């Protein structure tokens, strides 16, 4: 593996899920624990269709003190049945002597599918066994955890659930629900059930269906912040905290709202239409139009004040044991005073 060589996407593993293409070794790495676990399950589920004895499937969650060589010994031992053997090893990042894998992958057992999950980016990709893993096509990595990567996952998962969604509407889902894939997954399944196989979901339906998951959405909170309505904003924020939202998520969403309002100010002299401006701001047109409502309330001076308040709130979360409702009260009071 050269310095210029990139690690293939974890989604590429799905192309190998056939009897003739199944790889003997998969090492799934990256910062997206949810996606790593999801793909590992897909590989495992397919590989299990090729085994003929329940004794030929094993799963380990490894620690630094565990003997990894014993797992490799198990991998080269013949299966009980005449089919495949499937071994899943979680937390490969904790294996103390990773070079033990080098000898195995030089001549892996053809009857074994060894699935290794490495939660976190590979710290030394130019060292063994990662060089050999990459050269043999056994090493995969999750996409970068950013908005683009999240949208890519939503598009991919929607296809698996047999409905269509545009990139703009995938971005809208991320903006409403947040970055937690588990919560997004629940929404995508709801959309699939609602529109049926092969259907196309639009922004109106997304807003209608997603709003029913809780009394308020973050869009409701943003609307009240944009209007300068502190009491209503606090009511909604408390409701979100009582539901599925953590204080960090709410601060992140308010930060995105404030930064987008700042971009609305910056882009105003360019006289761009909302769709073009939204593309520059890297948000959905629906979200951009929503943020435009905040321009009247949030002058440049108030935006600077809000940025400082958000920084203070983030610091309070990380360095104190303050109650989340106290933190959000101080934050919204500072932003909207």
C-alpha atoms as a PDB file:
ATOM      1  CA  UNK A   1       0.000   0.000   0.000  1.00  0.00           C
ATOM      2  CA  UNK A   2       1.511   3.313  -1.096  1.00  0.00           C
ATOM      3  CA  UNK A   3       1.025   6.700   0.535  1.00  0.00           C
ATOM      4  CA  UNK A   4      -1.172   7.789  -2.377  1.00  0.00           C
ATOM      5  CA  UNK A   5      -3.305   4.635  -2.262  1.00  0.00           C
ATOM      6  CA  UNK A   6      -6.673   5.142  -0.589  1.00  0.00           C
ATOM      7  CA  UNK A   7      -8.468   2.476   1.410  1.00  0.00           C
ATOM      8  CA  UNK A   8     -11.574   1.176  -0.435  1.00  0.00           C
ATOM      9  CA  UNK A   9     -15.000   2.151   0.864  1.00  0.00           C
ATOM     10  CA  UNK A  10     -16.686  -0.225   3.263  1.00  0.00           C
ATOM     11  CA  UNK A  11     -19.637  -0.268   0.841  1.00  0.00           C
ATOM     12  CA  UNK A  12     -17.412  -2.142  -1.641  1.00  0.00           C
ATOM     13  CA  UNK A  13     -17.711  -5.209   0.581  1.00  0.00           C
ATOM     14  CA  UNK A  14     -21.336  -5.572  -0.500  1.00  0.00           C
ATOM     15  CA  UNK A  15     -20.169  -6.333  -4.060  1.00  0.00           C
ATOM     16  CA  UNK A  16     -18.439  -9.455  -2.731  1.00  0.00           C
ATOM     17  CA  UNK A  17     -21.493 -11.047  -1.154  1.00  0.00           C
ATOM     18  CA  UNK A  18     -21.864 -13.985  -3.493  1.00  0.00           C
ATOM     19  CA  UNK A  19     -20.625 -17.555  -3.279  1.00  0.00           C
ATOM     20  CA  UNK A  20     -17.917 -16.971  -5.885  1.00  0.00           C
ATOM     21  CA  UNK A  21     -16.761 -13.535  -4.665  1.00  0.00           C
ATOM     22  CA  UNK A  22     -16.820 -13.838  -0.865  1.00  0.00           C
ATOM     23  CA  UNK A  23     -13.433 -12.842   0.523  1.00  0.00           C
ATOM     24  CA  UNK A  24     -11.537 -14.993   3.048  1.00  0.00           C
ATOM     25  CA  UNK A  25     -10.746 -11.925   5.179  1.00  0.00           C
ATOM     26  CA  UNK A  26     -12.470  -8.589   5.787  1.00  0.00           C
ATOM     27  CA  UNK A  27     -11.013  -5.872   7.987  1.00  0.00           C
ATOM     28  CA  UNK A  28     -13.582  -3.109   8.470  1.00  0.00           C
ATOM     29  CA  UNK A  29     -12.172   0.118   9.900  1.00  0.00           C
ATOM     30  CA  UNK A  30     -13.084   3.767  10.445  1.00  0.00           C
ATOM     31  CA  UNK A  31     -14.766   6.214  12.787  1.00  0.00           C
ATOM     32  CA  UNK A  32     -18.346   5.136  12.059  1.00  0.00           C
ATOM     33  CA  UNK A  33     -19.058   2.372  14.587  1.00  0.00           C
ATOM     34  CA  UNK A  34     -22.687   2.030  13.481  1.00  0.00           C
ATOM     35  CA  UNK A  35     -21.771   1.462   9.834  1.00  0.00           C
ATOM     36  CA  UNK A  36     -18.949  -0.955  10.686  1.00  0.00           C
ATOM     37  CA  UNK A  37     -21.335  -3.057  12.802  1.00  0.00           C
ATOM     38  CA  UNK A  38     -24.029  -2.894  10.128  1.00  0.00           C
ATOM     39  CA  UNK A  39     -21.733  -4.052   7.310  1.00  0.00           C
ATOM     40  CA  UNK A  40     -20.133  -6.740   9.488  1.00  0.00           C
ATOM     41  CA  UNK A  41     -23.619  -8.107  10.167  1.00  0.00           C
ATOM     42  CA  UNK A  42     -24.450  -8.152   6.441  1.00  0.00           C
ATOM     43  CA  UNK A  43     -21.251 -10.048   5.617  1.00  0.00           C
ATOM     44  CA  UNK A  44     -21.794 -12.459   8.503  1.00  0.00           C
ATOM     45  CA  UNK A  45     -25.437 -13.082   7.572  1.00  0.00           C
ATOM     46  CA  UNK A  46     -24.508 -13.908   3.981  1.00  0.00           C
ATOM     47  CA  UNK A  47     -21.534 -16.080   4.969  1.00  0.00           C
ATOM     48  CA  UNK A  48     -23.756 -18.042   7.345  1.00  0.00           C
ATOM     49  CA  UNK A  49     -25.870 -19.138   4.371  1.00  0.00           C
ATOM     50  CA  UNK A  50     -22.798 -21.070   3.196  1.00  0.00           C
ATOM     51  CA  UNK A  51     -22.179 -23.035   6.414  1.00  0.00           C
ATOM     52  CA  UNK A  52     -23.613 -26.481   7.073  1.00  0.00           C
ATOM     53  CA  UNK A  53     -23.039 -26.790  10.820  1.00  0.00           C
ATOM     54  CA  UNK A  54     -23.850 -24.412  13.661  1.00  0.00           C
ATOM     55  CA  UNK A  55     -20.446 -25.301  15.088  1.00  0.00           C
ATOM     56  CA  UNK A  56     -18.850 -23.485  12.148  1.00  0.00           C
ATOM     57  CA  UNK A  57     -19.773 -19.984  13.272  1.00  0.00           C
ATOM     58  CA  UNK A  58     -17.920 -18.116  15.998  1.00  0.00           C
ATOM     59  CA  UNK A  59     -17.969 -14.559  17.328  1.00  0.00           C
ATOM     60  CA  UNK A  60     -15.376 -12.957  19.608  1.00  0.00           C
ATOM     61  CA  UNK A  61     -15.104  -9.558  21.280  1.00  0.00           C
ATOM     62  CA  UNK A  62     -11.379  -9.303  21.856  1.00  0.00           C
ATOM     63  CA  UNK A  63      -9.349  -7.446  24.467  1.00  0.00           C
ATOM     64  CA  UNK A  64      -5.634  -6.696  24.850  1.00  0.00           C
ATOM     65  CA  UNK A  65      -5.128  -9.645  27.173  1.00  0.00           C
ATOM     66  CA  UNK A  66      -6.798 -12.145  24.813  1.00  0.00           C
ATOM     67  CA  UNK A  67      -4.827 -14.623  22.722  1.00  0.00           C
ATOM     68  CA  UNK A  68      -5.410 -13.647  19.095  1.00  0.00           C
ATOM     69  CA  UNK A  69      -3.270 -16.517  17.795  1.00  0.00           C
ATOM     70  CA  UNK A  70      -5.811 -19.025  19.148  1.00  0.00           C
ATOM     71  CA  UNK A  71      -8.471 -17.414  16.954  1.00  0.00           C
ATOM     72  CA  UNK A  72      -6.201 -17.743  13.920  1.00  0.00           C
ATOM     73  CA  UNK A  73      -5.638 -21.399  14.833  1.00  0.00           C
ATOM     74  CA  UNK A  74      -9.403 -21.809  14.821  1.00  0.00           C
ATOM     75  CA  UNK A  75      -9.561 -20.156  11.392  1.00  0.00           C
ATOM     76  CA  UNK A  76      -7.220 -22.724   9.830  1.00  0.00           C
ATOM     77  CA  UNK A  77      -8.938 -25.703  11.478  1.00  0.00           C
ATOM     78  CA  UNK A  78     -11.237 -27.583   9.110  1.00  0.00           C
ATOM     79  CA  UNK A  79     -14.979 -26.902   9.509  1.00  0.00           C
ATOM     80  CA  UNK A  80     -17.313 -29.501  11.017  1.00  0.00           C
ATOM     81  CA  UNK A  81     -19.494 -29.455   7.925  1.00  0.00           C
ATOM     82  CA  UNK A  82     -18.581 -29.443   4.247  1.00  0.00           C
ATOM     83  CA  UNK A  83     -19.397 -25.758   3.840  1.00  0.00           C
ATOM     84  CA  UNK A  84     -17.812 -22.531   5.063  1.00  0.00           C
ATOM     85  CA  UNK A  85     -16.692 -21.455   8.514  1.00  0.00           C
ATOM     86  CA  UNK A  86     -17.491 -17.898   9.707  1.00  0.00           C
ATOM     87  CA  UNK A  87     -15.498 -16.126  12.417  1.00  0.00           C
ATOM     88  CA  UNK A  88     -16.241 -12.547  13.511  1.00  0.00           C
ATOM     89  CA  UNK A  89     -13.718 -10.708  15.691  1.00  0.00           C
ATOM     90  CA  UNK A  90     -14.780  -7.387  17.203  1.00  0.00           C
ATOM     91  CA  UNK A  91     -12.340  -4.723  18.455  1.00  0.00           C
ATOM     92  CA  UNK A  92      -9.325  -5.689  16.336  1.00  0.00           C
ATOM     93  CA  UNK A  93      -7.841  -2.324  17.360  1.00  0.00           C
ATOM     94  CA  UNK A  94      -7.251  -3.886  20.807  1.00  0.00           C
ATOM     95  CA  UNK A  95      -5.155  -6.793  19.493  1.00  0.00           C
ATOM     96  CA  UNK A  96      -1.683  -6.329  20.982  1.00  0.00           C
ATOM     97  CA  UNK A  97       0.261  -8.181  18.279  1.00  0.00           C
ATOM     98  CA  UNK A  98      -1.461  -7.350  15.016  1.00  0.00           C
ATOM     99  CA  UNK A  99       1.445  -8.744  12.980  1.00  0.00           C
ATOM    100  CA  UNK A 100       0.161 -12.232  13.810  1.00  0.00           C
ATOM    101  CA  UNK A 101      -2.402 -11.597  11.103  1.00  0.00           C
ATOM    102  CA  UNK A 102       0.291 -11.078   8.436  1.00  0.00           C
ATOM    103  CA  UNK A 103       1.239 -14.751   8.235  1.00  0.00           C
ATOM    104  CA  UNK A 104      -2.398 -15.831   8.084  1.00  0.00           C
ATOM    105  CA  UNK A 105      -3.424 -13.476   5.266  1.00  0.00           C
ATOM    106  CA  UNK A 106      -0.460 -14.569   3.162  1.00  0.00           C
ATOM    107  CA  UNK A 107      -2.282 -17.888   2.775  1.00  0.00           C
ATOM    108  CA  UNK A 108      -5.774 -17.650   4.316  1.00  0.00           C
ATOM    109  CA  UNK A 109      -7.945 -20.725   4.719  1.00  0.00           C
ATOM    110  CA  UNK A 110     -10.238 -20.913   1.708  1.00  0.00           C
ATOM    111  CA  UNK A 111     -13.031 -22.458   3.781  1.00  0.00           C
ATOM    112  CA  UNK A 112     -13.069 -19.633   6.384  1.00  0.00           C
ATOM    113  CA  UNK A 113     -14.562 -16.142   6.221  1.00  0.00           C
ATOM    114  CA  UNK A 114     -12.762 -14.065   8.869  1.00  0.00           C
ATOM    115  CA  UNK A 115     -14.480 -10.748   9.648  1.00  0.00           C
ATOM    116  CA  UNK A 116     -12.450  -8.256  11.704  1.00  0.00           C
ATOM    117  CA  UNK A 117     -13.893  -4.965  12.965  1.00  0.00           C
ATOM    118  CA  UNK A 118     -11.510  -2.142  13.851  1.00  0.00           C
ATOM    119  CA  UNK A 119     -13.413   0.670  15.573  1.00  0.00           C
ATOM    120  CA  UNK A 120     -11.385   3.745  14.648  1.00  0.00           C
ATOM    121  CA  UNK A 121      -9.147   4.755  11.769  1.00  0.00           C
ATOM    122  CA  UNK A 122      -6.044   2.659  11.126  1.00  0.00           C
ATOM    123  CA  UNK A 123      -3.269   4.554  12.909  1.00  0.00           C
ATOM    124  CA  UNK A 124      -0.402   2.987  10.932  1.00  0.00           C
ATOM    125  CA  UNK A 125      -1.735   2.022   7.477  1.00  0.00           C
ATOM    126  CA  UNK A 126       1.795   1.796   6.043  1.00  0.00           C
ATOM    127  CA  UNK A 127       2.777  -0.973   8.455  1.00  0.00           C
ATOM    128  CA  UNK A 128       1.994  -4.671   8.476  1.00  0.00           C
ATOM    129  CA  UNK A 129      -0.472  -6.294   8.494  1.00  0.00           C
ATOM    130  CA  UNK A 130      -2.325  -3.373   6.906  1.00  0.00           C
ATOM    131  CA  UNK A 131      -0.057  -3.142   3.845  1.00  0.00           C
ATOM    132  CA  UNK A 132      -0.711  -6.774   2.963  1.00  0.00           C
ATOM    133  CA  UNK A 133      -4.419  -6.466   3.808  1.00  0.00           C
ATOM    134  CA  UNK A 134      -4.698  -3.530   1.413  1.00  0.00           C
ATOM    135  CA  UNK A 135      -2.674  -5.238  -1.314  1.00  0.00           C
ATOM    136  CA  UNK A 136      -4.929  -8.288  -1.180  1.00  0.00           C
ATOM    137  CA  UNK A 137      -8.111  -6.193  -1.138  1.00  0.00           C
ATOM    138  CA  UNK A 138      -9.108  -7.219   2.388  1.00  0.00           C
ATOM    139  CA  UNK A 139      -9.000  -3.741   3.993  1.00  0.00           C
ATOM    140  CA  UNK A 140     -12.014  -1.395   3.967  1.00  0.00           C
ATOM    141  CA  UNK A 141     -12.845   1.935   5.601  1.00  0.00           C
ATOM    142  CA  UNK A 142     -16.002   3.865   6.418  1.00  0.00           C
ATOM    143  CA  UNK A 143     -16.564   7.184   4.616  1.00  0.00           C
ATOM    144  CA  UNK A 144     -15.528  10.339   6.416  1.00  0.00           C
ATOM    145  CA  UNK A 145     -18.044  11.262   9.118  1.00  0.00           C
ATOM    146  CA  UNK A 146     -19.345  14.476   7.628  1.00  0.00           C
ATOM    147  CA  UNK A 147     -22.564  15.651   6.020  1.00  0.00           C
ATOM    148  CA  UNK A 148     -21.615  14.245   2.634  1.00  0.00           C
ATOM    149  CA  UNK A 149     -20.827  10.842   4.130  1.00  0.00           C
ATOM    150  CA  UNK A 150     -24.123  10.822   6.033  1.00  0.00           C
ATOM    151  CA  UNK A 151     -26.101  11.739   2.909  1.00  0.00           C
ATOM    152  CA  UNK A 152     -24.290   8.975   1.012  1.00  0.00           C
ATOM    153  CA  UNK A 153     -25.323   6.469   3.677  1.00  0.00           C
ATOM    154  CA  UNK A 154     -28.962   7.658   3.607  1.00  0.00           C
ATOM    155  CA  UNK A 155     -29.068   7.279  -0.188  1.00  0.00           C
ATOM    156  CA  UNK A 156     -27.552   3.802   0.046  1.00  0.00           C
ATOM    157  CA  UNK A 157     -29.851   2.663   2.867  1.00  0.00           C
ATOM    158  CA  UNK A 158     -32.948   4.057   1.117  1.00  0.00           C
ATOM    159  CA  UNK A 159     -32.081   1.974  -1.936  1.00  0.00           C
ATOM    160  CA  UNK A 160     -31.826  -1.114   0.258  1.00  0.00           C
ATOM    161  CA  UNK A 161     -35.253  -0.294   1.713  1.00  0.00           C
ATOM    162  CA  UNK A 162     -36.617  -0.002  -1.839  1.00  0.00           C
ATOM    163  CA  UNK A 163     -37.602   3.654  -2.021  1.00  0.00           C
ATOM    164  CA  UNK A 164     -36.098   6.690  -3.702  1.00  0.00           C
ATOM    165  CA  UNK A 165     -34.860   9.894  -2.107  1.00  0.00           C
ATOM    166  CA  UNK A 166     -32.997  12.819  -3.661  1.00  0.00           C
ATOM    167  CA  UNK A 167     -29.705  14.121  -2.287  1.00  0.00           C
ATOM    168  CA  UNK A 168     -31.470  17.316  -1.180  1.00  0.00           C
ATOM    169  CA  UNK A 169     -34.092  15.370   0.739  1.00  0.00           C
ATOM    170  CA  UNK A 170     -31.477  13.032   2.222  1.00  0.00           C
ATOM    171  CA  UNK A 171     -29.765  16.156   3.531  1.00  0.00           C
ATOM    172  CA  UNK A 172     -33.109  17.339   4.908  1.00  0.00           C
ATOM    173  CA  UNK A 173     -33.517  14.073   6.833  1.00  0.00           C
ATOM    174  CA  UNK A 174     -30.062  14.528   8.357  1.00  0.00           C
ATOM    175  CA  UNK A 175     -30.892  18.105   9.323  1.00  0.00           C
ATOM    176  CA  UNK A 176     -34.158  17.154  11.023  1.00  0.00           C
ATOM    177  CA  UNK A 177     -33.126  13.929  12.738  1.00  0.00           C
ATOM    178  CA  UNK A 178     -29.445  14.621  13.432  1.00  0.00           C
ATOM    179  CA  UNK A 179     -26.342  12.519  12.831  1.00  0.00           C
ATOM    180  CA  UNK A 180     -27.268   9.423  14.849  1.00  0.00           C
ATOM    181  CA  UNK A 181     -27.683   6.647  12.271  1.00  0.00           C
ATOM    182  CA  UNK A 182     -29.817   4.550  14.597  1.00  0.00           C
ATOM    183  CA  UNK A 183     -32.451   7.311  14.746  1.00  0.00           C
ATOM    184  CA  UNK A 184     -32.195   7.942  10.999  1.00  0.00           C
ATOM    185  CA  UNK A 185     -32.647   4.218  10.345  1.00  0.00           C
ATOM    186  CA  UNK A 186     -35.975   4.284  12.222  1.00  0.00           C
ATOM    187  CA  UNK A 187     -37.165   7.192  10.085  1.00  0.00           C
ATOM    188  CA  UNK A 188     -36.089   5.552   6.815  1.00  0.00           C
ATOM    189  CA  UNK A 189     -38.024   2.410   7.691  1.00  0.00           C
ATOM    190  CA  UNK A 190     -41.065   4.537   8.437  1.00  0.00           C
ATOM    191  CA  UNK A 191     -40.763   6.267   5.041  1.00  0.00           C
ATOM    192  CA  UNK A 192     -40.431   2.893   3.317  1.00  0.00           C
ATOM    193  CA  UNK A 193     -43.570   1.535   4.991  1.00  0.00           C
ATOM    194  CA  UNK A 194     -45.498   4.707   4.141  1.00  0.00           C
ATOM    195  CA  UNK A 195     -44.695   5.118   0.431  1.00  0.00           C
ATOM    196  CA  UNK A 196     -44.343   1.464  -0.534  1.00  0.00           C
ATOM    197  CA  UNK A 197     -41.780  -0.271  -2.701  1.00  0.00           C
ATOM    198  CA  UNK A 198     -40.136   1.830  -5.395  1.00  0.00           C
ATOM    199  CA  UNK A 199     -41.813   5.069  -4.333  1.00  0.00           C
ATOM    200  CA  UNK A 200     -40.178   8.491  -4.188  1.00  0.00           C
ATOM    201  CA  UNK A 201     -40.356  10.518  -0.973  1.00  0.00           C
ATOM    202  CA  UNK A 202     -40.597  14.312  -1.044  1.00  0.00           C
ATOM    203  CA  UNK A 203     -39.792  17.050   1.479  1.00  0.00           C
ATOM    204  CA  UNK A 204     -43.426  17.501   2.536  1.00  0.00           C
ATOM    205  CA  UNK A 205     -43.804  13.812   3.389  1.00  0.00           C
ATOM    206  CA  UNK A 206     -40.468  13.765   5.222  1.00  0.00           C
ATOM    207  CA  UNK A 207     -41.548  16.669   7.415  1.00  0.00           C
ATOM    208  CA  UNK A 208     -44.968  15.152   8.057  1.00  0.00           C
ATOM    209  CA  UNK A 209     -43.692  11.705   8.992  1.00  0.00           C
ATOM    210  CA  UNK A 210     -40.657  12.829  10.951  1.00  0.00           C
ATOM    211  CA  UNK A 211     -42.648  15.333  12.987  1.00  0.00           C
ATOM    212  CA  UNK A 212     -44.800  12.514  14.352  1.00  0.00           C
ATOM    213  CA  UNK A 213     -41.839  10.926  16.158  1.00  0.00           C
ATOM    214  CA  UNK A 214     -41.900  13.493  18.941  1.00  0.00           C
ATOM    215  CA  UNK A 215     -43.964  16.456  20.068  1.00  0.00           C
ATOM    216  CA  UNK A 216     -41.472  18.890  18.576  1.00  0.00           C
ATOM    217  CA  UNK A 217     -38.639  18.722  16.052  1.00  0.00           C
ATOM    218  CA  UNK A 218     -35.439  20.717  15.977  1.00  0.00           C
ATOM    219  CA  UNK A 219     -36.994  22.725  13.138  1.00  0.00           C
ATOM    220  CA  UNK A 220     -39.635  23.931  15.589  1.00  0.00           C
ATOM    221  CA  UNK A 221     -36.842  25.055  17.904  1.00  0.00           C
ATOM    222  CA  UNK A 222     -35.031  26.828  15.077  1.00  0.00           C
ATOM    223  CA  UNK A 223     -38.240  28.575  14.021  1.00  0.00           C
ATOM    224  CA  UNK A 224     -38.673  30.025  17.501  1.00  0.00           C
ATOM    225  CA  UNK A 225     -35.017  31.061  17.722  1.00  0.00           C
ATOM    226  CA  UNK A 226     -35.355  32.733  14.316  1.00  0.00           C
ATOM    227  CA  UNK A 227     -38.429  34.573  15.574  1.00  0.00           C
ATOM    228  CA  UNK A 228     -36.659  35.640  18.782  1.00  0.00           C
ATOM    229  CA  UNK A 229     -39.264  33.863  20.940  1.00  0.00           C
ATOM    230  CA  UNK A 230     -37.242  32.830  24.006  1.00  0.00           C
ATOM    231  CA  UNK A 231     -40.062  31.330  26.100  1.00  0.00           C
ATOM    232  CA  UNK A 232     -41.326  29.098  23.289  1.00  0.00           C
ATOM    233  CA  UNK A 233     -37.769  28.141  22.311  1.00  0.00           C
ATOM    234  CA  UNK A 234     -37.109  27.035  25.896  1.00  0.00           C
ATOM    235  CA  UNK A 235     -40.320  25.005  25.987  1.00  0.00           C
ATOM    236  CA  UNK A 236     -39.341  23.150  22.815  1.00  0.00           C
ATOM    237  CA  UNK A 237     -35.735  22.675  23.937  1.00  0.00           C
ATOM    238  CA  UNK A 238     -36.910  21.124  27.212  1.00  0.00           C
ATOM    239  CA  UNK A 239     -39.219  18.827  25.267  1.00  0.00           C
ATOM    240  CA  UNK A 240     -36.363  17.699  23.026  1.00  0.00           C
ATOM    241  CA  UNK A 241     -34.190  16.987  26.075  1.00  0.00           C
ATOM    242  CA  UNK A 242     -37.003  14.941  27.598  1.00  0.00           C
ATOM    243  CA  UNK A 243     -37.176  12.950  24.360  1.00  0.00           C
ATOM    244  CA  UNK A 244     -34.434  11.462  22.218  1.00  0.00           C
ATOM    245  CA  UNK A 245     -32.068  14.432  22.093  1.00  0.00           C
ATOM    246  CA  UNK A 246     -28.883  14.957  24.080  1.00  0.00           C
ATOM    247  CA  UNK A 247     -27.709  18.461  25.003  1.00  0.00           C
ATOM    248  CA  UNK A 248     -24.694  18.068  22.682  1.00  0.00           C
ATOM    249  CA  UNK A 249     -27.009  17.365  19.733  1.00  0.00           C
ATOM    250  CA  UNK A 250     -29.101  20.453  20.430  1.00  0.00           C
ATOM    251  CA  UNK A 251     -26.035  22.683  20.771  1.00  0.00           C
ATOM    252  CA  UNK A 252     -24.696  21.271  17.493  1.00  0.00           C
ATOM    253  CA  UNK A 253     -27.981  21.962  15.719  1.00  0.00           C
ATOM    254  CA  UNK A 254     -28.208  25.511  17.063  1.00  0.00           C
ATOM    255  CA  UNK A 255     -24.595  26.067  15.997  1.00  0.00           C
ATOM    256  CA  UNK A 256     -25.457  24.946  12.476  1.00  0.00           C
ATOM    257  CA  UNK A 257     -28.477  27.259  12.438  1.00  0.00           C
ATOM    258  CA  UNK A 258     -26.451  30.271  13.602  1.00  0.00           C
ATOM    259  CA  UNK A 259     -23.623  29.568  11.145  1.00  0.00           C
ATOM    260  CA  UNK A 260     -26.116  29.225   8.278  1.00  0.00           C
ATOM    261  CA  UNK A 261     -27.777  32.532   9.202  1.00  0.00           C
ATOM    262  CA  UNK A 262     -24.293  34.068   9.104  1.00  0.00           C
ATOM    263  CA  UNK A 263     -23.842  32.614   5.610  1.00  0.00           C
ATOM    264  CA  UNK A 264     -27.178  34.096   4.545  1.00  0.00           C
ATOM    265  CA  UNK A 265     -25.798  37.515   5.502  1.00  0.00           C
ATOM    266  CA  UNK A 266     -22.554  36.844   3.613  1.00  0.00           C
ATOM    267  CA  UNK A 267     -24.296  35.611   0.463  1.00  0.00           C
ATOM    268  CA  UNK A 268     -26.906  38.387   0.329  1.00  0.00           C
ATOM    269  CA  UNK A 269     -24.719  40.762  -1.771  1.00  0.00           C
ATOM    270  CA  UNK A 270     -24.307  38.034  -4.414  1.00  0.00           C
ATOM    271  CA  UNK A 271     -28.072  38.028  -5.116  1.00  0.00           C
ATOM    272  CA  UNK A 272     -28.129  34.249  -5.569  1.00  0.00           C
ATOM    273  CA  UNK A 273     -31.435  32.402  -5.700  1.00  0.00           C
ATOM    274  CA  UNK A 274     -32.173  30.187  -2.697  1.00  0.00           C
ATOM    275  CA  UNK A 275     -31.221  26.949  -4.451  1.00  0.00           C
ATOM    276  CA  UNK A 276     -27.826  28.263  -5.574  1.00  0.00           C
ATOM    277  CA  UNK A 277     -27.159  29.852  -2.178  1.00  0.00           C
ATOM    278  CA  UNK A 278     -28.121  26.637  -0.367  1.00  0.00           C
ATOM    279  CA  UNK A 279     -25.639  24.711  -2.498  1.00  0.00           C
ATOM    280  CA  UNK A 280     -22.853  27.153  -1.574  1.00  0.00           C
ATOM    281  CA  UNK A 281     -23.825  26.866   2.106  1.00  0.00           C
ATOM    282  CA  UNK A 282     -23.896  23.048   1.795  1.00  0.00           C
ATOM    283  CA  UNK A 283     -27.430  22.733   3.186  1.00  0.00           C
ATOM    284  CA  UNK A 284     -30.769  21.794   1.651  1.00  0.00           C
ATOM    285  CA  UNK A 285     -32.844  24.595   0.050  1.00  0.00           C
ATOM    286  CA  UNK A 286     -35.596  23.908   2.590  1.00  0.00           C
ATOM    287  CA  UNK A 287     -33.173  24.431   5.465  1.00  0.00           C
ATOM    288  CA  UNK A 288     -31.625  27.532   3.880  1.00  0.00           C
ATOM    289  CA  UNK A 289     -35.021  29.166   3.402  1.00  0.00           C
ATOM    290  CA  UNK A 290     -35.838  28.369   7.035  1.00  0.00           C
ATOM    291  CA  UNK A 291     -32.620  30.023   8.193  1.00  0.00           C
ATOM    292  CA  UNK A 292     -33.367  33.163   6.166  1.00  0.00           C
ATOM    293  CA  UNK A 293     -36.147  33.868   8.653  1.00  0.00           C
ATOM    294  CA  UNK A 294     -33.494  34.544  11.276  1.00  0.00           C
ATOM    295  CA  UNK A 295     -31.759  37.376   9.398  1.00  0.00           C
ATOM    296  CA  UNK A 296     -33.986  40.079  10.887  1.00  0.00           C
ATOM    297  CA  UNK A 297     -33.410  38.942  14.468  1.00  0.00           C
ATOM    298  CA  UNK A 298     -29.739  38.044  14.121  1.00  0.00           C
ATOM    299  CA  UNK A 299     -27.622  41.017  13.175  1.00  0.00           C
ATOM    300  CA  UNK A 300     -23.860  40.630  12.776  1.00  0.00           C
ATOM    301  CA  UNK A 301     -23.431  41.761  16.385  1.00  0.00           C
ATOM    302  CA  UNK A 302     -25.935  39.224  17.715  1.00  0.00           C
ATOM    303  CA  UNK A 303     -24.375  36.467  15.621  1.00  0.00           C
ATOM    304  CA  UNK A 304     -21.007  37.156  17.250  1.00  0.00           C
ATOM    305  CA  UNK A 305     -22.661  37.098  20.669  1.00  0.00           C
ATOM    306  CA  UNK A 306     -24.410  33.825  19.809  1.00  0.00           C
ATOM    307  CA  UNK A 307     -21.166  32.221  18.673  1.00  0.00           C
ATOM    308  CA  UNK A 308     -19.570  33.078  22.011  1.00  0.00           C
ATOM    309  CA  UNK A 309     -22.591  31.738  23.904  1.00  0.00           C
ATOM    310  CA  UNK A 310     -22.420  28.466  21.966  1.00  0.00           C
ATOM    311  CA  UNK A 311     -18.728  28.135  22.753  1.00  0.00           C
ATOM    312  CA  UNK A 312     -19.428  28.685  26.449  1.00  0.00           C
ATOM    313  CA  UNK A 313     -22.259  26.133  26.429  1.00  0.00           C
ATOM    314  CA  UNK A 314     -20.065  23.537  24.728  1.00  0.00           C
ATOM    315  CA  UNK A 315     -17.326  24.147  27.298  1.00  0.00           C
ATOM    316  CA  UNK A 316     -19.830  23.816  30.142  1.00  0.00           C
ATOM    317  CA  UNK A 317     -20.985  20.437  28.801  1.00  0.00           C
ATOM    318  CA  UNK A 318     -17.417  19.151  28.568  1.00  0.00           C
ATOM    319  CA  UNK A 319     -16.036  20.503  31.848  1.00  0.00           C
ATOM    320  CA  UNK A 320     -18.936  20.561  34.316  1.00  0.00           C
ATOM    321  CA  UNK A 321     -21.727  18.312  35.551  1.00  0.00           C
ATOM    322  CA  UNK A 322     -24.366  20.999  35.012  1.00  0.00           C
ATOM    323  CA  UNK A 323     -27.920  19.912  34.284  1.00  0.00           C
ATOM    324  CA  UNK A 324     -28.637  20.002  30.507  1.00  0.00           C
ATOM    325  CA  UNK A 325     -31.732  22.149  31.045  1.00  0.00           C
ATOM    326  CA  UNK A 326     -29.648  24.683  32.963  1.00  0.00           C
ATOM    327  CA  UNK A 327     -27.140  24.806  30.107  1.00  0.00           C
ATOM    328  CA  UNK A 328     -29.800  25.233  27.409  1.00  0.00           C
ATOM    329  CA  UNK A 329     -31.551  27.911  29.502  1.00  0.00           C
ATOM    330  CA  UNK A 330     -28.346  29.930  29.814  1.00  0.00           C
ATOM    331  CA  UNK A 331     -27.587  29.440  26.122  1.00  0.00           C
ATOM    332  CA  UNK A 332     -30.978  30.530  24.793  1.00  0.00           C
ATOM    333  CA  UNK A 333     -31.176  33.404  27.267  1.00  0.00           C
ATOM    334  CA  UNK A 334     -27.815  34.681  26.019  1.00  0.00           C
ATOM    335  CA  UNK A 335     -28.678  34.205  22.344  1.00  0.00           C
ATOM    336  CA  UNK A 336     -32.136  35.743  22.543  1.00  0.00           C
ATOM    337  CA  UNK A 337     -31.590  38.545  25.055  1.00  0.00           C
END
